[in-house]
Amino acid sequence: MLQVHEIRDHKEAYITALAKRGVDAKEVFEQVLQADEERRSTQLQLDDTLAQSNTFSKEIGILFKNGETQKANLLKEKTSKLKEASKSLTEQLNTVSEKLQQLLYTIPNIPNELVPAGTDENDNEETFREGDIPKLGGEALPHWELAKKYDLIDFELGVKITGAGFPVYKGKGARLQRALIAYFLDKNTNAGYTEYQVPHLVNEASGYGTGQLPDKEGQMYHVTGDDLYLIPTAEVPVTNLFRGDLLVHTELPITCTGYTPCFRREAGSYGAHVRGLNRLHQFDKVEIVRIEHPDNSYAALDGMVEHVKGILRDLNLPYRILRLCGGDLGFTSALTYDFEVFSTAQDRWLEISSVSNFETFQSNRLKLRFKDKDGKNKLAHTLNGSALALPRVLAGILENYQTPDGIKVPDVLVPYCGFEIID
């Protein structure tokens, strides 16, 4: 969430930057500044009224003590009117403050200067590519057919139990899934990230804290009886571990990793691009989260990109990195790099990770601050990335490692799953 004083100080620059997203922020900025002026004016009136009431209260005590009852009663009448006025002003203040808050919730983050202008995924910039795309020949199968052939994943059984988008992993498919989770976590913890096991449901305050609410409310599963939400990513509970905290600069950076299932209601269309593991309502993901000093957050983002590169090199999967354009940038992000793995059997790129810097957008919502060297309290920067999302990584492995004799297992995963080939 943007800060009002930043909007006031950088209004024109922010309007220009948000135009990269295709957002015309001029009108909403005017509404924000008008609401803030009304809020500050009301707050001043309330403060003056309360101060006058306190002064009268002290004078009344003195007058009663000195036997000046008539004067004291007159002041009591004035105090009574001031209390009514303060009650009315408090209600006005609450109303305009809520209006201001709701306006701020509608404004996306300011894109970093590196974000290219553009309207959709076609305008994203490729910044890096690595790995050789294997030559599979005409007999190559997409992962959903491989999963059926080798009895690894049962999509129909998932439909029976729950519905479309909830697959059942079986036998070596389940073991390979577990191997990926363990490998990702070990890779992250060896890089210095502290592992957390977190709840898979969060309250409304957590959803607002990281920006899933109110922007993505329709994409989240809502447990109405308890007013809780199934998490769309571990980013939500892990980042909210620090909601409301006042850290010390020497505690930064804070680096976290965690595995969770993720739940998303987002509707899929028909076609091969959403078949099999390409788009699910429930999937597994290992996440990395960083709380950083603002001076270091972009160096940290570069480090996270290199970390995910290392994982994909270990898996020996062909991949590319895209810098997202303004029109494809997430609501809360200032700068995002997407990783995509090439699916040879589908002849297309599949997104398997997003690594983002949110700057102070989330920390302002979270009230996540730190005391800097100068003794001032400042908002921290938050970052997160998938390391990695499993479904499309698994799809890439099944498709790119298929041979006439079966599906080879990447060497790095063999110690985790206990077998070298699926046949």
Protein backbone atom coordinates (compact mmCIF):
# COMPACT_ATOMS: atom_id res chain seq x y z
CA MET A 1 0.00 0.00 0.00
CA LEU A 2 1.32 3.42 -0.94
CA GLN A 3 1.95 6.04 1.72
CA VAL A 4 -0.06 9.24 1.46
CA HIS A 5 2.91 11.55 2.00
CA GLU A 6 4.74 9.75 -0.84
CA ILE A 7 1.75 10.28 -3.13
CA ARG A 8 1.68 13.96 -2.17
CA ASP A 9 5.43 14.41 -2.74
CA HIS A 10 5.72 12.36 -5.95
CA LYS A 11 2.24 12.54 -7.46
CA GLU A 12 3.22 13.32 -11.05
CA ALA A 13 6.07 10.80 -11.09
CA TYR A 14 3.76 8.11 -9.68
CA ILE A 15 1.08 8.89 -12.28
CA THR A 16 3.69 8.44 -15.03
CA ALA A 17 5.00 5.21 -13.49
CA LEU A 18 1.54 3.68 -13.05
CA ALA A 19 0.79 4.42 -16.70
CA LYS A 20 3.20 1.52 -17.41
CA ARG A 21 0.54 -0.70 -15.86
CA GLY A 22 -2.17 0.88 -17.98
CA VAL A 23 -3.50 2.61 -14.86
CA ASP A 24 -4.63 6.26 -14.94
CA ALA A 25 -4.10 7.21 -11.31
CA LYS A 26 -4.83 10.93 -11.58
CA GLU A 27 -8.42 10.76 -10.30
CA VAL A 28 -7.80 8.32 -7.46
CA PHE A 29 -4.75 10.32 -6.31
CA GLU A 30 -6.91 13.44 -6.12
CA GLN A 31 -9.48 11.51 -4.10
CA VAL A 32 -6.75 10.23 -1.77
CA LEU A 33 -5.28 13.68 -1.18
CA GLN A 34 -8.72 15.21 -0.65
CA ALA A 35 -9.65 12.48 1.85
CA ASP A 36 -6.33 12.97 3.63
CA GLU A 37 -6.90 16.72 3.90
CA GLU A 38 -10.35 16.07 5.35
CA ARG A 39 -8.88 13.51 7.76
CA ARG A 40 -6.17 15.87 8.97
CA SER A 41 -8.62 18.78 9.33
CA THR A 42 -11.03 16.61 11.32
CA GLN A 43 -8.18 15.33 13.49
CA LEU A 44 -7.15 18.93 14.30
CA GLN A 45 -10.70 19.85 15.23
CA LEU A 46 -10.98 16.78 17.43
CA ASP A 47 -7.64 17.48 19.13
CA ASP A 48 -8.65 21.09 19.82
CA THR A 49 -12.04 20.00 21.18
CA LEU A 50 -10.49 17.40 23.48
CA ALA A 51 -7.85 19.86 24.69
CA GLN A 52 -10.50 22.47 25.48
CA SER A 53 -12.60 19.86 27.28
CA ASN A 54 -9.61 18.81 29.39
CA THR A 55 -8.87 22.44 30.27
CA PHE A 56 -12.48 23.03 31.35
CA SER A 57 -12.46 19.85 33.44
CA LYS A 58 -9.45 21.09 35.41
CA GLU A 59 -11.06 24.52 35.88
CA ILE A 60 -14.31 22.94 37.10
CA GLY A 61 -12.43 21.11 39.82
CA ILE A 62 -10.76 24.29 40.97
CA LEU A 63 -14.06 26.25 40.92
CA PHE A 64 -15.86 23.62 43.01
CA LYS A 65 -12.95 23.59 45.42
CA ASN A 66 -13.18 27.38 45.79
CA GLY A 67 -16.95 27.28 46.27
CA GLU A 68 -17.76 28.91 42.90
CA THR A 69 -20.52 26.43 42.11
CA GLN A 70 -22.44 28.56 39.58
CA LYS A 71 -19.37 29.13 37.40
CA ALA A 72 -18.50 25.46 37.70
CA ASN A 73 -21.95 24.36 36.50
CA LEU A 74 -21.78 26.72 33.53
CA LEU A 75 -18.47 25.16 32.52
CA LYS A 76 -19.97 21.69 33.00
CA GLU A 77 -22.64 22.55 30.42
CA LYS A 78 -19.96 23.70 27.98
CA THR A 79 -17.97 20.51 28.68
CA SER A 80 -21.04 18.42 27.95
CA LYS A 81 -21.43 20.12 24.56
CA LEU A 82 -17.74 19.61 23.85
CA LYS A 83 -18.08 15.90 24.58
CA GLU A 84 -20.97 15.65 22.12
CA ALA A 85 -18.89 17.51 19.54
CA SER A 86 -15.90 15.23 20.13
CA LYS A 87 -18.10 12.17 19.69
CA SER A 88 -19.38 13.50 16.37
CA LEU A 89 -15.85 14.41 15.23
CA THR A 90 -14.57 10.95 16.18
CA GLU A 91 -17.27 9.35 14.03
CA GLN A 92 -16.36 11.68 11.14
CA LEU A 93 -12.68 10.87 11.59
CA ASN A 94 -13.34 7.11 11.54
CA THR A 95 -15.48 7.46 8.41
CA VAL A 96 -12.97 9.52 6.44
CA SER A 97 -10.04 7.35 7.64
CA GLU A 98 -11.82 4.22 6.41
CA LYS A 99 -12.59 5.95 3.10
CA LEU A 100 -8.90 6.85 2.73
CA GLN A 101 -7.82 3.31 3.57
CA GLN A 102 -10.17 1.80 1.00
CA LEU A 103 -8.93 4.20 -1.68
CA LEU A 104 -5.33 3.27 -0.95
CA TYR A 105 -6.21 -0.43 -1.20
CA THR A 106 -7.25 0.09 -4.84
CA ILE A 107 -3.88 1.48 -5.97
CA PRO A 108 -1.25 -1.01 -7.19
CA ASN A 109 2.44 -0.71 -6.37
CA ILE A 110 4.64 1.75 -8.25
CA PRO A 111 6.68 -0.13 -10.88
CA ASN A 112 10.44 0.07 -10.60
CA GLU A 113 12.15 2.03 -13.37
CA LEU A 114 13.44 -1.26 -14.84
CA VAL A 115 9.87 -2.44 -15.53
CA PRO A 116 9.16 -2.16 -19.25
CA ALA A 117 5.95 -0.60 -20.47
CA GLY A 118 3.49 -3.07 -21.95
CA THR A 119 -0.03 -4.42 -21.79
CA ASP A 120 0.34 -8.21 -21.40
CA GLU A 121 2.72 -11.20 -21.37
CA ASN A 122 3.69 -10.56 -24.99
CA ASP A 123 5.49 -7.39 -23.87
CA ASN A 124 7.65 -9.09 -21.21
CA GLU A 125 11.40 -8.88 -21.74
CA GLU A 126 13.55 -12.01 -21.88
CA THR A 127 16.71 -11.30 -19.87
CA PHE A 128 18.36 -14.72 -19.75
CA ARG A 129 18.14 -18.20 -21.26
CA GLU A 130 20.07 -21.35 -20.43
CA GLY A 131 19.98 -25.08 -21.15
CA ASP A 132 19.68 -27.24 -24.22
CA ILE A 133 16.22 -28.30 -25.33
CA PRO A 134 16.31 -32.09 -25.78
CA LYS A 135 15.40 -33.75 -29.07
CA LEU A 136 12.67 -36.23 -28.19
CA GLY A 137 11.43 -37.34 -31.58
CA GLY A 138 7.89 -37.98 -32.76
CA GLU A 139 7.09 -40.50 -30.03
CA ALA A 140 7.32 -37.94 -27.21
CA LEU A 141 4.26 -37.68 -24.99
CA PRO A 142 2.91 -34.76 -22.91
CA HIS A 143 3.13 -35.21 -19.17
CA TRP A 144 -0.55 -36.07 -18.64
CA GLU A 145 -0.16 -39.07 -20.96
CA LEU A 146 3.13 -40.06 -19.32
CA ALA A 147 1.47 -39.84 -15.88
CA LYS A 148 -1.22 -42.25 -17.06
CA LYS A 149 1.20 -44.59 -18.85
CA TYR A 150 3.43 -45.01 -15.79
CA ASP A 151 0.60 -44.70 -13.22
CA LEU A 152 2.10 -41.62 -11.54
CA ILE A 153 -0.83 -39.20 -11.29
CA ASP A 154 -4.56 -39.91 -11.42
CA PHE A 155 -6.47 -36.84 -12.54
CA GLU A 156 -9.82 -38.64 -12.77
CA LEU A 157 -9.55 -39.91 -9.20
CA GLY A 158 -8.99 -36.33 -8.06
CA VAL A 159 -12.18 -35.31 -9.85
CA LYS A 160 -14.03 -38.12 -8.06
CA ILE A 161 -12.80 -37.01 -4.64
CA THR A 162 -12.96 -33.25 -5.06
CA GLY A 163 -13.20 -31.90 -8.60
CA ALA A 164 -11.07 -30.82 -11.55
CA GLY A 165 -7.68 -29.36 -10.63
CA PHE A 166 -7.07 -31.63 -7.61
CA PRO A 167 -4.77 -34.46 -8.81
CA VAL A 168 -3.86 -37.61 -6.88
CA TYR A 169 -0.16 -38.54 -6.97
CA LYS A 170 0.59 -42.28 -6.78
CA GLY A 171 3.57 -44.57 -6.26
CA LYS A 172 6.72 -43.19 -7.87
CA GLY A 173 4.81 -40.04 -8.78
CA ALA A 174 4.18 -39.33 -5.09
CA ARG A 175 7.78 -40.21 -4.17
CA LEU A 176 9.15 -37.92 -6.88
CA GLN A 177 6.89 -35.13 -5.62
CA ARG A 178 8.18 -35.66 -2.07
CA ALA A 179 11.76 -35.76 -3.36
CA LEU A 180 11.35 -32.38 -5.05
CA ILE A 181 9.98 -30.80 -1.88
CA ALA A 182 12.84 -32.14 0.24
CA TYR A 183 15.46 -31.13 -2.32
CA PHE A 184 14.08 -27.59 -2.65
CA LEU A 185 13.99 -27.13 1.12
CA ASP A 186 17.54 -28.46 1.53
CA LYS A 187 18.76 -26.21 -1.26
CA ASN A 188 17.17 -23.20 0.43
CA THR A 189 18.30 -23.97 3.97
CA ASN A 190 21.84 -24.63 2.73
CA ALA A 191 21.73 -21.12 1.26
CA GLY A 192 20.93 -19.68 4.69
CA TYR A 193 17.13 -19.60 4.66
CA THR A 194 15.42 -20.64 7.91
CA GLU A 195 12.73 -23.26 7.38
CA TYR A 196 9.22 -22.65 8.75
CA GLN A 197 6.13 -24.83 8.88
CA VAL A 198 3.15 -22.49 8.81
CA PRO A 199 -0.67 -22.74 8.88
CA HIS A 200 -2.46 -23.38 5.61
CA LEU A 201 -5.33 -21.09 6.58
CA VAL A 202 -5.00 -17.40 7.38
CA ASN A 203 -7.24 -14.71 8.78
CA GLU A 204 -8.42 -11.63 6.94
CA ALA A 205 -5.74 -9.40 8.43
CA SER A 206 -3.05 -11.66 6.95
CA GLY A 207 -4.69 -11.49 3.52
CA TYR A 208 -4.74 -7.70 3.66
CA GLY A 209 -1.18 -7.61 4.99
CA THR A 210 0.41 -9.16 1.91
CA GLY A 211 -2.07 -7.73 -0.58
CA GLN A 212 -4.14 -10.77 -1.53
CA LEU A 213 -7.14 -8.93 -0.12
CA PRO A 214 -9.05 -7.18 -1.45
CA ASP A 215 -7.35 -7.56 -4.87
CA LYS A 216 -7.52 -11.37 -5.22
CA GLU A 217 -10.49 -12.17 -3.01
CA GLY A 218 -12.26 -14.05 -5.82
CA GLN A 219 -9.23 -16.30 -6.33
CA MET A 220 -9.06 -17.49 -2.72
CA TYR A 221 -11.04 -20.25 -1.06
CA HIS A 222 -12.98 -18.71 1.84
CA VAL A 223 -13.99 -20.79 4.86
CA THR A 224 -17.03 -18.69 5.67
CA GLY A 225 -17.94 -20.32 8.97
CA ASP A 226 -14.65 -19.27 10.54
CA ASP A 227 -13.85 -16.33 8.22
CA LEU A 228 -10.52 -17.89 7.23
CA TYR A 229 -8.85 -18.24 3.84
CA LEU A 230 -6.94 -21.17 2.36
CA ILE A 231 -3.53 -19.83 1.41
CA PRO A 232 -2.74 -19.18 -2.29
CA THR A 233 1.00 -19.31 -1.47
CA ALA A 234 3.29 -19.68 1.56
CA GLU A 235 4.22 -16.03 1.04
CA VAL A 236 1.07 -15.04 2.95
CA PRO A 237 1.61 -16.82 6.29
CA VAL A 238 5.42 -16.56 6.20
CA THR A 239 5.50 -12.80 5.56
CA ASN A 240 2.76 -12.27 8.16
CA LEU A 241 4.99 -13.86 10.80
CA PHE A 242 6.46 -10.36 11.06
CA ARG A 243 3.26 -8.31 10.85
CA GLY A 244 3.36 -5.43 13.35
CA ASP A 245 7.00 -6.05 14.30
CA LEU A 246 9.57 -3.36 15.01
CA LEU A 247 12.92 -4.87 14.15
CA VAL A 248 16.45 -3.56 14.61
CA HIS A 249 18.59 -2.97 11.53
CA THR A 250 21.10 -5.55 12.79
CA GLU A 251 18.40 -8.24 12.51
CA LEU A 252 18.17 -7.71 8.74
CA PRO A 253 18.08 -9.52 6.46
CA ILE A 254 15.57 -12.10 7.67
CA THR A 255 15.43 -15.06 5.28
CA CYS A 256 12.71 -17.71 5.40
CA THR A 257 11.65 -20.75 3.42
CA GLY A 258 8.66 -23.02 3.74
CA TYR A 259 6.74 -25.74 1.96
CA THR A 260 2.94 -25.58 1.76
CA PRO A 261 0.15 -26.74 -0.47
CA CYS A 262 -1.41 -23.79 -2.27
CA PHE A 263 -5.08 -23.29 -3.12
CA ARG A 264 -6.40 -21.09 -5.92
CA ARG A 265 -9.93 -20.78 -7.25
CA GLU A 266 -8.85 -19.07 -10.46
CA ALA A 267 -10.89 -20.54 -13.29
CA GLY A 268 -9.15 -22.28 -16.16
CA SER A 269 -10.26 -22.41 -19.74
CA TYR A 270 -10.28 -25.53 -21.91
CA GLY A 271 -7.30 -26.58 -24.02
CA ALA A 272 -3.86 -28.15 -23.78
CA HIS A 273 -2.38 -25.11 -22.00
CA VAL A 274 -4.42 -25.92 -18.89
CA ARG A 275 -4.37 -29.72 -19.14
CA GLY A 276 -2.73 -32.00 -16.62
CA LEU A 277 -0.43 -30.15 -14.24
CA ASN A 278 -0.42 -26.92 -16.23
CA ARG A 279 -3.03 -25.25 -14.03
CA LEU A 280 -4.39 -26.60 -10.76
CA HIS A 281 -6.62 -25.52 -7.88
CA GLN A 282 -4.33 -27.28 -5.37
CA PHE A 283 -0.59 -27.62 -5.83
CA ASP A 284 2.62 -27.79 -3.81
CA LYS A 285 5.20 -25.04 -3.66
CA VAL A 286 8.35 -24.19 -1.75
CA GLU A 287 8.71 -20.46 -1.14
CA ILE A 288 11.53 -18.13 -0.12
CA VAL A 289 10.79 -14.83 1.66
CA ARG A 290 13.18 -12.05 2.65
CA ILE A 291 12.78 -9.02 4.93
CA GLU A 292 15.44 -6.54 3.83
CA HIS A 293 16.88 -3.12 4.52
CA PRO A 294 15.74 -0.82 1.68
CA ASP A 295 19.37 -0.15 0.73
CA ASN A 296 19.96 -3.85 0.06
CA SER A 297 16.70 -5.14 -1.37
CA TYR A 298 17.57 -5.02 -5.07
CA ALA A 299 20.90 -6.75 -4.50
CA ALA A 300 18.90 -9.34 -2.56
CA LEU A 301 16.49 -9.69 -5.50
CA ASP A 302 19.43 -10.38 -7.83
CA GLY A 303 20.67 -12.96 -5.33
CA MET A 304 17.28 -14.70 -5.29
CA VAL A 305 17.33 -14.86 -9.09
CA GLU A 306 20.76 -16.49 -8.99
CA HIS A 307 19.54 -18.93 -6.34
CA VAL A 308 16.64 -20.12 -8.51
CA LYS A 309 19.03 -20.38 -11.47
CA GLY A 310 21.14 -22.76 -9.40
CA ILE A 311 18.16 -25.01 -8.70
CA LEU A 312 17.27 -25.26 -12.39
CA ARG A 313 20.88 -25.95 -13.29
CA ASP A 314 20.89 -28.81 -10.77
CA LEU A 315 17.74 -30.21 -12.38
CA ASN A 316 19.27 -29.68 -15.84
CA LEU A 317 16.09 -28.17 -17.25
CA PRO A 318 16.12 -25.60 -20.07
CA TYR A 319 14.74 -22.31 -18.78
CA ARG A 320 14.48 -18.61 -19.46
CA ILE A 321 13.95 -15.50 -17.31
CA LEU A 322 11.48 -12.74 -18.14
CA ARG A 323 11.28 -9.26 -16.69
CA LEU A 324 7.55 -8.60 -16.45
CA CYS A 325 6.12 -5.54 -18.16
CA GLY A 326 3.78 -3.12 -16.42
CA GLY A 327 0.62 -4.75 -17.75
CA ASP A 328 1.66 -8.23 -16.54
CA LEU A 329 3.11 -7.12 -13.20
CA GLY A 330 1.37 -8.33 -10.06
CA PHE A 331 -0.67 -5.81 -8.06
CA THR A 332 1.77 -5.73 -5.12
CA SER A 333 5.07 -6.00 -6.98
CA ALA A 334 7.54 -3.27 -7.90
CA LEU A 335 9.67 -5.61 -10.04
CA THR A 336 9.18 -9.27 -10.93
CA TYR A 337 11.27 -11.84 -12.77
CA ASP A 338 9.43 -14.93 -14.02
CA PHE A 339 11.23 -18.20 -14.62
CA GLU A 340 9.86 -20.47 -17.32
CA VAL A 341 10.93 -24.05 -18.08
CA PHE A 342 10.62 -25.38 -21.61
CA SER A 343 8.20 -28.27 -22.02
CA THR A 344 9.55 -30.13 -25.03
CA ALA A 345 6.55 -32.40 -25.49
CA GLN A 346 4.15 -29.43 -25.38
CA ASP A 347 6.57 -27.18 -27.31
CA ARG A 348 5.90 -24.25 -24.98
CA TRP A 349 7.29 -22.40 -21.99
CA LEU A 350 5.75 -23.03 -18.56
CA GLU A 351 6.05 -20.54 -15.69
CA ILE A 352 7.60 -22.22 -12.65
CA SER A 353 8.71 -19.29 -10.47
CA SER A 354 8.12 -15.59 -9.83
CA VAL A 355 10.73 -13.64 -7.87
CA SER A 356 9.57 -10.20 -6.75
CA ASN A 357 10.53 -7.13 -4.76
CA PHE A 358 7.54 -5.41 -3.14
CA GLU A 359 9.64 -2.60 -1.62
CA THR A 360 7.48 -1.02 1.16
CA PHE A 361 4.10 -1.92 -0.40
CA GLN A 362 3.49 -4.93 1.85
CA SER A 363 5.37 -3.64 4.89
CA ASN A 364 3.19 -0.52 5.01
CA ARG A 365 0.11 -2.77 5.18
CA LEU A 366 1.85 -5.05 7.67
CA LYS A 367 3.23 -2.17 9.78
CA LEU A 368 6.56 -4.01 9.52
CA ARG A 369 9.27 -1.56 10.51
CA PHE A 370 12.85 -1.52 11.67
CA LYS A 371 14.92 0.91 13.72
CA ASP A 372 17.77 2.11 11.50
CA LYS A 373 21.26 3.22 12.52
CA ASP A 374 20.03 6.81 12.81
CA GLY A 375 17.45 5.73 15.40
CA LYS A 376 14.48 6.37 13.08
CA ASN A 377 11.75 3.80 12.47
CA LYS A 378 11.48 2.90 8.78
CA LEU A 379 9.47 0.47 6.68
CA ALA A 380 11.36 -2.65 5.64
CA HIS A 381 11.35 -4.07 2.12
CA THR A 382 9.77 -7.49 1.53
CA LEU A 383 10.65 -9.94 -1.25
CA ASN A 384 9.50 -13.41 -2.16
CA GLY A 385 10.02 -16.08 -4.77
CA SER A 386 8.99 -19.59 -5.69
CA ALA A 387 11.83 -22.04 -5.21
CA LEU A 388 9.98 -23.76 -6.76
CA ALA A 389 6.36 -24.44 -7.72
CA LEU A 390 6.17 -28.20 -8.19
CA PRO A 391 3.50 -29.01 -10.80
CA ARG A 392 5.16 -27.51 -13.85
CA VAL A 393 8.64 -28.51 -12.66
CA LEU A 394 7.37 -32.08 -12.44
CA ALA A 395 5.74 -31.70 -15.87
CA GLY A 396 9.05 -30.49 -17.29
CA ILE A 397 10.95 -33.40 -15.76
CA LEU A 398 8.49 -36.01 -17.03
CA GLU A 399 8.48 -34.59 -20.54
CA ASN A 400 12.13 -33.60 -20.97
CA TYR A 401 13.58 -36.72 -19.32
CA GLN A 402 11.43 -39.29 -21.16
CA THR A 403 13.26 -41.99 -23.11
CA PRO A 404 12.15 -45.13 -24.98
CA ASP A 405 13.05 -47.08 -21.82
CA GLY A 406 11.20 -44.86 -19.35
CA ILE A 407 11.58 -41.52 -17.58
CA LYS A 408 15.03 -40.81 -16.18
CA VAL A 409 15.24 -39.05 -12.83
CA PRO A 410 17.52 -35.97 -12.55
CA ASP A 411 20.74 -37.02 -10.81
CA VAL A 412 20.24 -34.53 -7.96
CA LEU A 413 16.90 -36.14 -7.04
CA VAL A 414 18.02 -39.79 -7.03
CA PRO A 415 19.26 -39.71 -3.39
CA TYR A 416 15.88 -38.25 -2.37
CA CYS A 417 13.56 -40.62 -4.21
CA GLY A 418 15.66 -43.80 -4.27
CA PHE A 419 15.30 -44.71 -7.96
CA GLU A 420 16.96 -43.62 -11.19
CA ILE A 421 14.23 -44.35 -13.71
CA ILE A 422 10.47 -44.64 -13.92
CA ASP A 423 9.56 -47.59 -16.09
